[in-house]
N, C-alpha and C. Protein backbone atom coordinates (compact mmCIF):
# COMPACT_ATOMS: atom_id res chain seq x y z
N MET A 1 105.10 71.40 90.50
CA MET A 1 104.08 71.80 91.48
C MET A 1 103.37 73.06 90.98
N ALA A 2 102.09 73.15 91.26
CA ALA A 2 101.30 74.29 90.80
C ALA A 2 101.77 75.58 91.46
N PRO A 3 101.66 76.70 90.76
CA PRO A 3 102.04 77.98 91.36
C PRO A 3 101.17 78.28 92.59
N MET A 4 101.74 79.01 93.52
CA MET A 4 100.95 79.49 94.65
C MET A 4 99.92 80.50 94.14
N LYS A 5 98.82 80.62 94.84
CA LYS A 5 97.78 81.57 94.47
C LYS A 5 97.65 82.63 95.56
N LEU A 6 97.77 83.89 95.14
CA LEU A 6 97.61 85.01 96.05
C LEU A 6 96.27 85.67 95.75
N TYR A 7 95.35 85.58 96.69
CA TYR A 7 94.00 86.10 96.49
C TYR A 7 93.92 87.55 96.99
N GLY A 8 93.38 88.43 96.15
CA GLY A 8 93.21 89.82 96.54
C GLY A 8 93.30 90.75 95.35
N ALA A 9 93.18 92.04 95.62
CA ALA A 9 93.22 93.07 94.58
C ALA A 9 94.53 93.83 94.65
N THR A 10 95.08 94.17 93.50
CA THR A 10 96.37 94.86 93.48
C THR A 10 96.26 96.31 93.95
N MET A 11 95.04 96.81 94.16
CA MET A 11 94.90 98.15 94.74
C MET A 11 95.11 98.12 96.26
N SER A 12 95.17 96.93 96.83
CA SER A 12 95.41 96.78 98.27
C SER A 12 96.90 96.68 98.54
N TRP A 13 97.41 97.60 99.37
CA TRP A 13 98.85 97.53 99.68
C TRP A 13 99.18 96.35 100.58
N ASN A 14 98.19 95.74 101.21
CA ASN A 14 98.44 94.51 101.95
C ASN A 14 98.68 93.34 100.99
N VAL A 15 97.95 93.34 99.88
CA VAL A 15 98.14 92.29 98.87
C VAL A 15 99.47 92.47 98.15
N THR A 16 99.77 93.71 97.74
CA THR A 16 101.01 93.92 96.99
C THR A 16 102.25 93.82 97.89
N ARG A 17 102.07 93.99 99.19
CA ARG A 17 103.19 93.69 100.11
C ARG A 17 103.64 92.24 99.92
N CYS A 18 102.67 91.35 99.82
CA CYS A 18 102.97 89.93 99.60
C CYS A 18 103.58 89.69 98.23
N ALA A 19 103.06 90.39 97.24
CA ALA A 19 103.56 90.20 95.87
C ALA A 19 105.03 90.59 95.76
N VAL A 20 105.44 91.65 96.45
CA VAL A 20 106.85 92.05 96.45
C VAL A 20 107.72 90.92 97.02
N ALA A 21 107.29 90.36 98.15
CA ALA A 21 108.06 89.28 98.78
C ALA A 21 108.12 88.05 97.87
N LEU A 22 107.01 87.71 97.27
CA LEU A 22 106.96 86.55 96.36
C LEU A 22 107.88 86.78 95.17
N GLU A 23 107.86 87.98 94.62
CA GLU A 23 108.74 88.30 93.47
C GLU A 23 110.20 88.23 93.86
N GLU A 24 110.56 88.88 94.96
CA GLU A 24 111.96 88.91 95.38
C GLU A 24 112.45 87.51 95.73
N ALA A 25 111.57 86.69 96.26
CA ALA A 25 111.94 85.31 96.62
C ALA A 25 112.02 84.39 95.41
N GLY A 26 111.54 84.87 94.25
CA GLY A 26 111.57 84.04 93.04
C GLY A 26 110.53 82.94 93.06
N ALA A 27 109.45 83.16 93.78
CA ALA A 27 108.39 82.14 93.89
C ALA A 27 107.52 82.13 92.64
N GLU A 28 106.98 80.96 92.33
CA GLU A 28 105.98 80.87 91.27
C GLU A 28 104.62 81.12 91.89
N TYR A 29 103.93 82.13 91.37
CA TYR A 29 102.63 82.47 91.95
C TYR A 29 101.78 83.19 90.92
N GLU A 30 100.50 83.25 91.20
CA GLU A 30 99.58 84.05 90.40
C GLU A 30 98.66 84.81 91.33
N ILE A 31 98.24 86.00 90.90
CA ILE A 31 97.29 86.79 91.68
C ILE A 31 95.89 86.49 91.18
N VAL A 32 95.03 86.10 92.11
CA VAL A 32 93.63 85.77 91.79
C VAL A 32 92.75 86.89 92.35
N PRO A 33 92.13 87.70 91.49
CA PRO A 33 91.32 88.82 91.98
C PRO A 33 90.13 88.36 92.80
N ILE A 34 89.79 89.15 93.78
CA ILE A 34 88.59 88.94 94.60
C ILE A 34 87.66 90.13 94.37
N ASN A 35 86.41 89.86 94.06
CA ASN A 35 85.45 90.91 93.74
C ASN A 35 84.74 91.37 95.01
N PHE A 36 85.13 92.55 95.50
CA PHE A 36 84.52 93.08 96.71
C PHE A 36 83.10 93.58 96.45
N ALA A 37 82.84 94.02 95.23
CA ALA A 37 81.51 94.55 94.90
C ALA A 37 80.43 93.49 95.05
N THR A 38 80.79 92.24 94.82
CA THR A 38 79.82 91.14 94.97
C THR A 38 80.00 90.41 96.29
N ALA A 39 80.82 91.02 97.18
CA ALA A 39 81.09 90.43 98.51
C ALA A 39 81.71 89.03 98.41
N GLU A 40 82.52 88.84 97.38
CA GLU A 40 83.18 87.53 97.22
C GLU A 40 84.09 87.22 98.41
N HIS A 41 84.62 88.29 99.05
CA HIS A 41 85.51 88.09 100.19
C HIS A 41 84.79 87.50 101.40
N LYS A 42 83.45 87.55 101.39
CA LYS A 42 82.67 86.97 102.48
C LYS A 42 82.02 85.64 102.07
N SER A 43 82.36 85.15 100.90
CA SER A 43 81.78 83.89 100.42
C SER A 43 82.37 82.71 101.18
N PRO A 44 81.65 81.59 101.25
CA PRO A 44 82.19 80.41 101.94
C PRO A 44 83.53 79.96 101.37
N GLU A 45 83.68 80.11 100.05
CA GLU A 45 84.95 79.70 99.41
C GLU A 45 86.12 80.53 99.94
N HIS A 46 85.89 81.85 100.05
CA HIS A 46 87.00 82.68 100.51
C HIS A 46 87.19 82.58 102.02
N LEU A 47 86.13 82.39 102.76
CA LEU A 47 86.26 82.22 104.21
C LEU A 47 87.06 80.97 104.56
N ALA A 48 87.07 80.00 103.64
CA ALA A 48 87.91 78.82 103.83
C ALA A 48 89.39 79.17 103.68
N ARG A 49 89.67 80.24 102.93
CA ARG A 49 91.05 80.68 102.73
C ARG A 49 91.48 81.63 103.85
N ASN A 50 90.58 82.51 104.24
CA ASN A 50 90.85 83.48 105.30
C ASN A 50 89.57 83.61 106.14
N PRO A 51 89.55 83.06 107.33
CA PRO A 51 88.31 83.01 108.14
C PRO A 51 87.79 84.38 108.54
N PHE A 52 88.61 85.43 108.35
CA PHE A 52 88.16 86.78 108.66
C PHE A 52 87.53 87.47 107.45
N GLY A 53 87.51 86.77 106.31
CA GLY A 53 86.88 87.34 105.13
C GLY A 53 87.61 88.57 104.61
N GLN A 54 88.93 88.53 104.66
CA GLN A 54 89.74 89.66 104.21
C GLN A 54 90.76 89.17 103.19
N VAL A 55 91.46 90.12 102.60
CA VAL A 55 92.58 89.80 101.73
C VAL A 55 93.82 90.45 102.34
N PRO A 56 94.98 89.81 102.06
CA PRO A 56 95.23 88.70 101.16
C PRO A 56 95.04 87.34 101.83
N ALA A 57 95.05 86.33 100.96
CA ALA A 57 95.17 84.94 101.39
C ALA A 57 96.06 84.24 100.37
N LEU A 58 96.88 83.33 100.84
CA LEU A 58 97.79 82.60 99.96
C LEU A 58 97.46 81.12 100.02
N GLN A 59 97.37 80.50 98.86
CA GLN A 59 97.17 79.06 98.78
C GLN A 59 98.42 78.42 98.19
N ASP A 60 98.97 77.47 98.89
CA ASP A 60 100.11 76.69 98.39
C ASP A 60 99.75 75.22 98.58
N GLY A 61 99.23 74.63 97.50
CA GLY A 61 98.73 73.26 97.61
C GLY A 61 97.54 73.22 98.54
N ASP A 62 97.65 72.41 99.59
CA ASP A 62 96.56 72.29 100.56
C ASP A 62 96.70 73.28 101.73
N LEU A 63 97.75 74.07 101.70
CA LEU A 63 98.01 75.01 102.79
C LEU A 63 97.46 76.39 102.47
N TYR A 64 96.76 77.00 103.43
CA TYR A 64 96.31 78.37 103.30
C TYR A 64 96.99 79.22 104.36
N VAL A 65 97.54 80.36 103.94
CA VAL A 65 98.18 81.31 104.85
C VAL A 65 97.49 82.65 104.66
N TRP A 66 97.13 83.31 105.77
CA TRP A 66 96.58 84.65 105.65
C TRP A 66 97.35 85.57 106.58
N GLU A 67 97.03 86.87 106.51
CA GLU A 67 97.77 87.97 107.13
C GLU A 67 99.02 88.24 106.27
N SER A 68 99.10 89.47 105.77
CA SER A 68 100.09 89.77 104.74
C SER A 68 101.53 89.51 105.18
N ARG A 69 101.87 89.89 106.39
CA ARG A 69 103.28 89.73 106.80
C ARG A 69 103.63 88.27 107.07
N ALA A 70 102.63 87.48 107.46
CA ALA A 70 102.86 86.04 107.60
C ALA A 70 103.08 85.41 106.23
N ILE A 71 102.34 85.88 105.23
CA ILE A 71 102.53 85.40 103.86
C ILE A 71 103.92 85.76 103.37
N CYS A 72 104.36 86.98 103.66
CA CYS A 72 105.70 87.41 103.25
C CYS A 72 106.78 86.51 103.86
N LYS A 73 106.63 86.21 105.15
CA LYS A 73 107.60 85.33 105.82
C LYS A 73 107.57 83.93 105.20
N TYR A 74 106.40 83.45 104.90
CA TYR A 74 106.28 82.11 104.30
C TYR A 74 107.00 82.07 102.96
N ALA A 75 106.78 83.08 102.14
CA ALA A 75 107.43 83.13 100.83
C ALA A 75 108.95 83.15 100.97
N ALA A 76 109.44 83.93 101.94
CA ALA A 76 110.88 84.01 102.15
C ALA A 76 111.43 82.68 102.67
N ARG A 77 110.77 82.10 103.66
CA ARG A 77 111.26 80.83 104.22
C ARG A 77 111.30 79.73 103.17
N LYS A 78 110.30 79.71 102.31
CA LYS A 78 110.21 78.65 101.32
C LYS A 78 111.19 78.84 100.17
N ASN A 79 111.34 80.08 99.70
CA ASN A 79 112.07 80.32 98.46
C ASN A 79 113.38 81.09 98.60
N LYS A 80 113.50 81.93 99.63
CA LYS A 80 114.73 82.72 99.76
C LYS A 80 114.96 83.06 101.23
N PRO A 81 115.33 82.05 102.04
CA PRO A 81 115.43 82.25 103.50
C PRO A 81 116.45 83.29 103.92
N GLU A 82 117.40 83.61 103.03
CA GLU A 82 118.38 84.63 103.42
C GLU A 82 117.73 85.99 103.65
N LEU A 83 116.51 86.19 103.17
CA LEU A 83 115.80 87.45 103.42
C LEU A 83 115.42 87.60 104.90
N LEU A 84 115.48 86.50 105.64
CA LEU A 84 115.15 86.52 107.07
C LEU A 84 116.38 86.40 107.96
N LYS A 85 117.53 86.03 107.37
CA LYS A 85 118.79 85.90 108.10
C LYS A 85 118.68 85.00 109.33
N GLU A 86 117.90 83.91 109.19
CA GLU A 86 117.66 83.06 110.35
C GLU A 86 118.89 82.24 110.78
N GLY A 87 119.96 82.27 109.99
CA GLY A 87 121.19 81.59 110.38
C GLY A 87 122.00 82.37 111.40
N SER A 88 121.64 83.63 111.62
CA SER A 88 122.36 84.47 112.59
C SER A 88 121.37 85.02 113.59
N LEU A 89 121.59 84.74 114.86
CA LEU A 89 120.68 85.20 115.90
C LEU A 89 120.60 86.73 115.92
N ALA A 90 121.75 87.40 115.83
CA ALA A 90 121.78 88.87 115.91
C ALA A 90 121.13 89.49 114.69
N GLU A 91 121.49 88.99 113.50
CA GLU A 91 120.93 89.57 112.27
C GLU A 91 119.44 89.31 112.14
N SER A 92 119.01 88.11 112.49
CA SER A 92 117.58 87.79 112.40
C SER A 92 116.79 88.63 113.41
N ALA A 93 117.40 88.93 114.56
CA ALA A 93 116.74 89.78 115.55
C ALA A 93 116.49 91.17 114.99
N MET A 94 117.47 91.70 114.25
CA MET A 94 117.31 93.03 113.65
C MET A 94 116.26 93.00 112.53
N VAL A 95 116.21 91.91 111.78
CA VAL A 95 115.15 91.77 110.78
C VAL A 95 113.79 91.79 111.46
N ASP A 96 113.66 91.04 112.54
CA ASP A 96 112.40 90.99 113.29
C ASP A 96 112.03 92.38 113.83
N VAL A 97 113.01 93.07 114.41
CA VAL A 97 112.74 94.40 114.98
C VAL A 97 112.18 95.33 113.91
N TRP A 98 112.84 95.38 112.76
CA TRP A 98 112.43 96.35 111.74
C TRP A 98 111.18 95.92 111.00
N MET A 99 110.86 94.63 111.01
CA MET A 99 109.56 94.21 110.48
C MET A 99 108.45 94.69 111.42
N GLU A 100 108.71 94.64 112.74
CA GLU A 100 107.74 95.15 113.71
C GLU A 100 107.59 96.67 113.58
N VAL A 101 108.72 97.34 113.39
CA VAL A 101 108.68 98.80 113.24
C VAL A 101 107.86 99.17 112.00
N GLU A 102 108.07 98.44 110.92
CA GLU A 102 107.29 98.72 109.70
C GLU A 102 105.80 98.63 109.98
N ALA A 103 105.40 97.58 110.67
CA ALA A 103 103.97 97.36 110.91
C ALA A 103 103.40 98.36 111.91
N ASN A 104 104.12 98.60 113.00
CA ASN A 104 103.55 99.33 114.13
C ASN A 104 103.89 100.81 114.19
N GLN A 105 104.88 101.23 113.41
CA GLN A 105 105.27 102.64 113.41
C GLN A 105 105.10 103.26 112.02
N TYR A 106 105.79 102.69 111.05
CA TYR A 106 105.84 103.27 109.69
C TYR A 106 104.48 103.19 109.00
N THR A 107 103.98 101.97 108.81
CA THR A 107 102.74 101.81 108.06
C THR A 107 101.53 102.24 108.88
N SER A 108 101.62 102.15 110.21
CA SER A 108 100.48 102.59 111.03
C SER A 108 100.31 104.11 110.92
N ALA A 109 101.40 104.85 110.68
CA ALA A 109 101.28 106.30 110.44
C ALA A 109 100.82 106.58 109.01
N LEU A 110 101.24 105.73 108.08
CA LEU A 110 100.87 105.94 106.67
C LEU A 110 99.41 105.56 106.39
N ASN A 111 98.91 104.53 107.03
CA ASN A 111 97.56 104.03 106.70
C ASN A 111 96.49 105.11 106.69
N PRO A 112 96.39 105.97 107.72
CA PRO A 112 95.34 106.99 107.69
C PRO A 112 95.51 107.99 106.54
N ILE A 113 96.77 108.29 106.20
CA ILE A 113 97.04 109.20 105.08
C ILE A 113 96.56 108.57 103.78
N LEU A 114 96.93 107.31 103.56
CA LEU A 114 96.56 106.63 102.33
C LEU A 114 95.06 106.45 102.23
N PHE A 115 94.42 106.13 103.34
CA PHE A 115 92.97 105.97 103.31
C PHE A 115 92.28 107.28 102.96
N GLN A 116 92.69 108.35 103.62
CA GLN A 116 92.04 109.64 103.41
C GLN A 116 92.27 110.18 101.99
N VAL A 117 93.47 110.00 101.48
CA VAL A 117 93.82 110.61 100.18
C VAL A 117 93.43 109.72 99.00
N LEU A 118 93.60 108.40 99.15
CA LEU A 118 93.40 107.50 98.01
C LEU A 118 92.08 106.74 98.06
N ILE A 119 91.71 106.24 99.23
CA ILE A 119 90.56 105.33 99.32
C ILE A 119 89.24 106.08 99.53
N SER A 120 89.22 107.01 100.47
CA SER A 120 87.97 107.71 100.78
C SER A 120 87.32 108.35 99.55
N PRO A 121 88.09 109.05 98.70
CA PRO A 121 87.45 109.62 97.50
C PRO A 121 86.89 108.55 96.55
N MET A 122 87.54 107.40 96.50
CA MET A 122 87.04 106.30 95.64
C MET A 122 85.71 105.77 96.15
N LEU A 123 85.49 105.89 97.46
CA LEU A 123 84.26 105.40 98.07
C LEU A 123 83.18 106.48 98.12
N GLY A 124 83.47 107.61 97.48
CA GLY A 124 82.49 108.70 97.44
C GLY A 124 82.60 109.67 98.60
N GLY A 125 83.62 109.50 99.42
CA GLY A 125 83.81 110.38 100.57
C GLY A 125 84.76 111.52 100.25
N THR A 126 85.10 112.28 101.28
CA THR A 126 86.04 113.39 101.12
C THR A 126 87.27 113.13 101.98
N THR A 127 88.32 113.89 101.71
CA THR A 127 89.56 113.76 102.46
C THR A 127 89.52 114.66 103.68
N ASP A 128 89.75 114.08 104.85
CA ASP A 128 89.82 114.85 106.09
C ASP A 128 91.25 115.35 106.25
N GLN A 129 91.48 116.61 105.89
CA GLN A 129 92.83 117.15 105.89
C GLN A 129 93.45 117.18 107.28
N LYS A 130 92.63 117.32 108.30
CA LYS A 130 93.17 117.34 109.66
C LYS A 130 93.79 115.99 110.01
N VAL A 131 93.10 114.91 109.65
CA VAL A 131 93.64 113.57 109.88
C VAL A 131 94.93 113.38 109.10
N VAL A 132 94.94 113.84 107.86
CA VAL A 132 96.14 113.72 107.01
C VAL A 132 97.31 114.47 107.64
N GLU A 133 97.07 115.73 108.02
CA GLU A 133 98.16 116.55 108.56
C GLU A 133 98.70 115.98 109.87
N GLU A 134 97.81 115.50 110.73
CA GLU A 134 98.26 114.90 112.00
C GLU A 134 99.15 113.69 111.76
N ASN A 135 98.77 112.87 110.79
CA ASN A 135 99.55 111.66 110.54
C ASN A 135 100.80 111.92 109.71
N VAL A 136 100.81 112.97 108.91
CA VAL A 136 102.06 113.36 108.24
C VAL A 136 103.09 113.75 109.31
N GLU A 137 102.64 114.46 110.34
CA GLU A 137 103.57 114.84 111.42
C GLU A 137 104.06 113.59 112.17
N LYS A 138 103.17 112.64 112.42
CA LYS A 138 103.58 111.37 113.05
C LYS A 138 104.60 110.65 112.16
N PHE A 139 104.33 110.64 110.87
CA PHE A 139 105.20 109.95 109.93
C PHE A 139 106.59 110.60 109.90
N LYS A 140 106.64 111.91 110.00
CA LYS A 140 107.94 112.60 110.01
C LYS A 140 108.75 112.17 111.24
N LYS A 141 108.09 112.00 112.37
CA LYS A 141 108.80 111.54 113.58
C LYS A 141 109.38 110.15 113.37
N VAL A 142 108.62 109.30 112.69
CA VAL A 142 109.11 107.96 112.36
C VAL A 142 110.32 108.06 111.43
N LEU A 143 110.22 108.93 110.43
CA LEU A 143 111.31 109.07 109.46
C LEU A 143 112.59 109.60 110.11
N GLU A 144 112.46 110.34 111.19
CA GLU A 144 113.66 110.79 111.92
C GLU A 144 114.45 109.60 112.45
N VAL A 145 113.74 108.61 112.95
CA VAL A 145 114.39 107.39 113.46
C VAL A 145 115.02 106.62 112.30
N TYR A 146 114.30 106.53 111.19
CA TYR A 146 114.82 105.84 110.00
C TYR A 146 116.07 106.54 109.48
N GLU A 147 116.04 107.87 109.46
CA GLU A 147 117.18 108.63 108.95
C GLU A 147 118.43 108.32 109.78
N ALA A 148 118.27 108.28 111.10
CA ALA A 148 119.40 107.97 111.98
C ALA A 148 119.92 106.56 111.72
N ARG A 149 119.01 105.61 111.58
CA ARG A 149 119.42 104.22 111.33
C ARG A 149 120.13 104.09 109.99
N LEU A 150 119.56 104.69 108.96
CA LEU A 150 120.09 104.53 107.60
C LEU A 150 121.31 105.40 107.34
N SER A 151 121.65 106.25 108.29
CA SER A 151 122.93 106.97 108.19
C SER A 151 124.09 106.07 108.60
N LYS A 152 123.75 104.94 109.25
CA LYS A 152 124.77 103.99 109.72
C LYS A 152 124.82 102.72 108.89
N TYR A 153 123.69 102.34 108.30
CA TYR A 153 123.60 101.08 107.55
C TYR A 153 122.91 101.32 106.21
N LYS A 154 123.22 100.48 105.23
CA LYS A 154 122.61 100.62 103.90
C LYS A 154 121.14 100.24 103.93
N TYR A 155 120.82 99.23 104.74
CA TYR A 155 119.44 98.78 104.86
C TYR A 155 119.04 98.80 106.34
N LEU A 156 117.79 98.51 106.61
CA LEU A 156 117.28 98.70 107.97
C LEU A 156 117.87 97.73 108.99
N ALA A 157 117.99 96.46 108.61
CA ALA A 157 118.49 95.47 109.56
C ALA A 157 120.01 95.42 109.60
N GLY A 158 120.67 96.07 108.66
CA GLY A 158 122.12 96.05 108.56
C GLY A 158 122.54 96.35 107.14
N ASP A 159 123.73 95.94 106.77
CA ASP A 159 124.21 96.19 105.41
C ASP A 159 123.82 95.05 104.47
N PHE A 160 122.60 94.60 104.60
CA PHE A 160 122.09 93.53 103.75
C PHE A 160 120.59 93.75 103.55
N LEU A 161 120.11 93.45 102.35
CA LEU A 161 118.68 93.53 102.08
C LEU A 161 117.96 92.43 102.84
N SER A 162 116.80 92.76 103.41
CA SER A 162 116.01 91.75 104.10
C SER A 162 114.53 92.01 103.87
N LEU A 163 113.73 91.09 104.38
CA LEU A 163 112.28 91.26 104.28
C LEU A 163 111.82 92.52 105.01
N ALA A 164 112.58 92.95 106.00
CA ALA A 164 112.23 94.18 106.71
C ALA A 164 112.15 95.36 105.75
N ASP A 165 113.07 95.44 104.81
CA ASP A 165 113.03 96.51 103.81
C ASP A 165 111.86 96.31 102.84
N LEU A 166 111.73 95.10 102.35
CA LEU A 166 110.74 94.82 101.31
C LEU A 166 109.31 95.04 101.79
N ASN A 167 109.07 94.81 103.09
CA ASN A 167 107.71 94.99 103.61
C ASN A 167 107.25 96.44 103.56
N HIS A 168 108.17 97.37 103.36
CA HIS A 168 107.83 98.79 103.27
C HIS A 168 107.36 99.20 101.87
N VAL A 169 107.63 98.37 100.88
CA VAL A 169 107.52 98.82 99.49
C VAL A 169 106.10 99.21 99.10
N SER A 170 105.13 98.36 99.38
CA SER A 170 103.79 98.59 98.83
C SER A 170 103.15 99.87 99.38
N ALA A 171 103.24 100.08 100.68
CA ALA A 171 102.64 101.29 101.26
C ALA A 171 103.39 102.54 100.80
N THR A 172 104.72 102.42 100.64
CA THR A 172 105.51 103.57 100.19
C THR A 172 105.18 103.92 98.74
N LEU A 173 104.98 102.92 97.91
CA LEU A 173 104.55 103.18 96.54
C LEU A 173 103.22 103.94 96.53
N CYS A 174 102.32 103.59 97.44
CA CYS A 174 101.05 104.30 97.55
C CYS A 174 101.27 105.74 98.00
N LEU A 175 102.20 105.94 98.93
CA LEU A 175 102.52 107.30 99.36
C LEU A 175 102.93 108.16 98.17
N PHE A 176 103.68 107.56 97.25
CA PHE A 176 104.17 108.31 96.09
C PHE A 176 103.07 108.58 95.06
N ALA A 177 101.88 108.05 95.32
CA ALA A 177 100.72 108.38 94.49
C ALA A 177 99.90 109.49 95.12
N THR A 178 100.39 110.07 96.21
CA THR A 178 99.70 111.16 96.91
C THR A 178 100.52 112.44 96.78
N PRO A 179 99.95 113.58 97.18
CA PRO A 179 100.72 114.84 97.16
C PRO A 179 101.78 114.93 98.26
N HIS A 180 101.92 113.88 99.06
CA HIS A 180 102.81 113.94 100.23
C HIS A 180 104.13 113.19 100.04
N ALA A 181 104.41 112.80 98.81
CA ALA A 181 105.65 112.06 98.54
C ALA A 181 106.89 112.88 98.87
N SER A 182 106.77 114.20 98.79
CA SER A 182 107.92 115.07 99.03
C SER A 182 108.40 115.02 100.48
N VAL A 183 107.65 114.35 101.35
CA VAL A 183 108.07 114.24 102.75
C VAL A 183 109.44 113.58 102.85
N PHE A 184 109.79 112.72 101.91
CA PHE A 184 111.09 112.05 101.92
C PHE A 184 112.25 113.02 101.68
N ASP A 185 111.96 114.16 101.07
CA ASP A 185 113.03 115.09 100.69
C ASP A 185 113.83 115.58 101.89
N GLY A 186 113.21 115.60 103.05
CA GLY A 186 113.90 116.08 104.25
C GLY A 186 114.77 115.03 104.92
N TYR A 187 114.83 113.82 104.34
CA TYR A 187 115.55 112.71 104.96
C TYR A 187 116.41 112.02 103.89
N PRO A 188 117.60 112.57 103.62
CA PRO A 188 118.41 112.09 102.48
C PRO A 188 118.79 110.62 102.54
N HIS A 189 119.06 110.09 103.73
CA HIS A 189 119.42 108.67 103.81
C HIS A 189 118.20 107.78 103.56
N VAL A 190 117.03 108.22 104.01
CA VAL A 190 115.80 107.49 103.72
C VAL A 190 115.53 107.51 102.22
N LYS A 191 115.74 108.66 101.61
CA LYS A 191 115.51 108.80 100.17
C LYS A 191 116.44 107.90 99.37
N ALA A 192 117.71 107.82 99.80
CA ALA A 192 118.68 106.95 99.12
C ALA A 192 118.31 105.48 99.28
N TRP A 193 117.86 105.12 100.48
CA TRP A 193 117.40 103.74 100.73
C TRP A 193 116.24 103.40 99.81
N TRP A 194 115.28 104.31 99.72
CA TRP A 194 114.12 104.07 98.86
C TRP A 194 114.54 103.96 97.39
N SER A 195 115.45 104.81 96.96
CA SER A 195 115.93 104.75 95.58
C SER A 195 116.58 103.41 95.28
N SER A 196 117.33 102.88 96.25
CA SER A 196 117.99 101.57 96.05
C SER A 196 116.95 100.45 95.94
N LEU A 197 115.87 100.56 96.71
CA LEU A 197 114.81 99.55 96.62
C LEU A 197 114.10 99.65 95.27
N MET A 198 113.89 100.86 94.78
CA MET A 198 113.20 101.06 93.51
C MET A 198 113.99 100.53 92.32
N GLU A 199 115.29 100.30 92.51
CA GLU A 199 116.11 99.76 91.43
C GLU A 199 115.94 98.25 91.27
N ARG A 200 115.33 97.61 92.25
CA ARG A 200 115.20 96.15 92.21
C ARG A 200 114.10 95.73 91.23
N PRO A 201 114.37 94.73 90.40
CA PRO A 201 113.35 94.28 89.44
C PRO A 201 112.04 93.87 90.10
N SER A 202 112.12 93.25 91.27
CA SER A 202 110.89 92.82 91.96
C SER A 202 110.01 94.03 92.30
N VAL A 203 110.65 95.09 92.74
CA VAL A 203 109.91 96.30 93.13
C VAL A 203 109.35 96.99 91.89
N GLN A 204 110.16 97.05 90.84
CA GLN A 204 109.70 97.69 89.60
C GLN A 204 108.48 96.95 89.02
N LYS A 205 108.49 95.63 89.11
CA LYS A 205 107.37 94.86 88.59
C LYS A 205 106.09 95.14 89.36
N ILE A 206 106.19 95.20 90.68
CA ILE A 206 104.99 95.44 91.49
C ILE A 206 104.55 96.90 91.37
N ALA A 207 105.50 97.82 91.21
CA ALA A 207 105.13 99.22 90.99
C ALA A 207 104.29 99.36 89.72
N ALA A 208 104.69 98.63 88.67
CA ALA A 208 103.92 98.67 87.41
C ALA A 208 102.55 98.03 87.60
N LEU A 209 102.50 96.98 88.40
CA LEU A 209 101.24 96.26 88.65
C LEU A 209 100.25 97.14 89.41
N MET A 210 100.76 98.03 90.26
CA MET A 210 99.90 98.85 91.10
C MET A 210 99.34 100.08 90.39
N LYS A 211 99.87 100.38 89.21
CA LYS A 211 99.37 101.54 88.48
C LYS A 211 97.93 101.30 88.05
N PRO A 212 97.08 102.31 88.09
CA PRO A 212 95.66 102.13 87.75
C PRO A 212 95.44 101.52 86.37
N SER A 213 96.36 101.77 85.44
CA SER A 213 96.18 101.24 84.10
C SER A 213 96.49 99.76 84.00
N ALA A 214 97.11 99.22 85.07
CA ALA A 214 97.52 97.80 85.05
C ALA A 214 96.32 96.88 85.07
């Protein structure tokens, strides 16, 4: 069967979120770049993949999946379902909880920081330090909850790696490309968790892919 196709740019942490899941699941896939400068993401061809004209989009045969976390779940269900722990009601519930926390607490606090520090200057804008500082404080509050959780368990959903952990990788890698990476220093259990994720071959591969020279 042909490899799955992941449409998008590796500078997007929504796209590389999917790539981490695909790598960890051992899926066969290729990344197909989308040219934003020519508005390829709004072309009829791409709108057939993602009706909102955004990235990422995943093609698997005749099936198209969009929204990054839905793509991550699809990759896990198809290739490595143990990342979702769906055989256990309690464990799968914790995976679900921490996937929601990643989206609505962790990454929602990180997004404004990453946009202001990494994206705005690329678009010719400036960094609004007030927005950055406000969201760094929000992020620290989130990390307090993570520190408490990770003082009891090796990973977020329990003592097992899950998609809940992996969904954090791409945005966190972007954080480490900013001057604010040292925020982890105040949370030793969070730092240890992140170090354990960075040891995984799937994460190392996507980290290399996200470097500007890649």
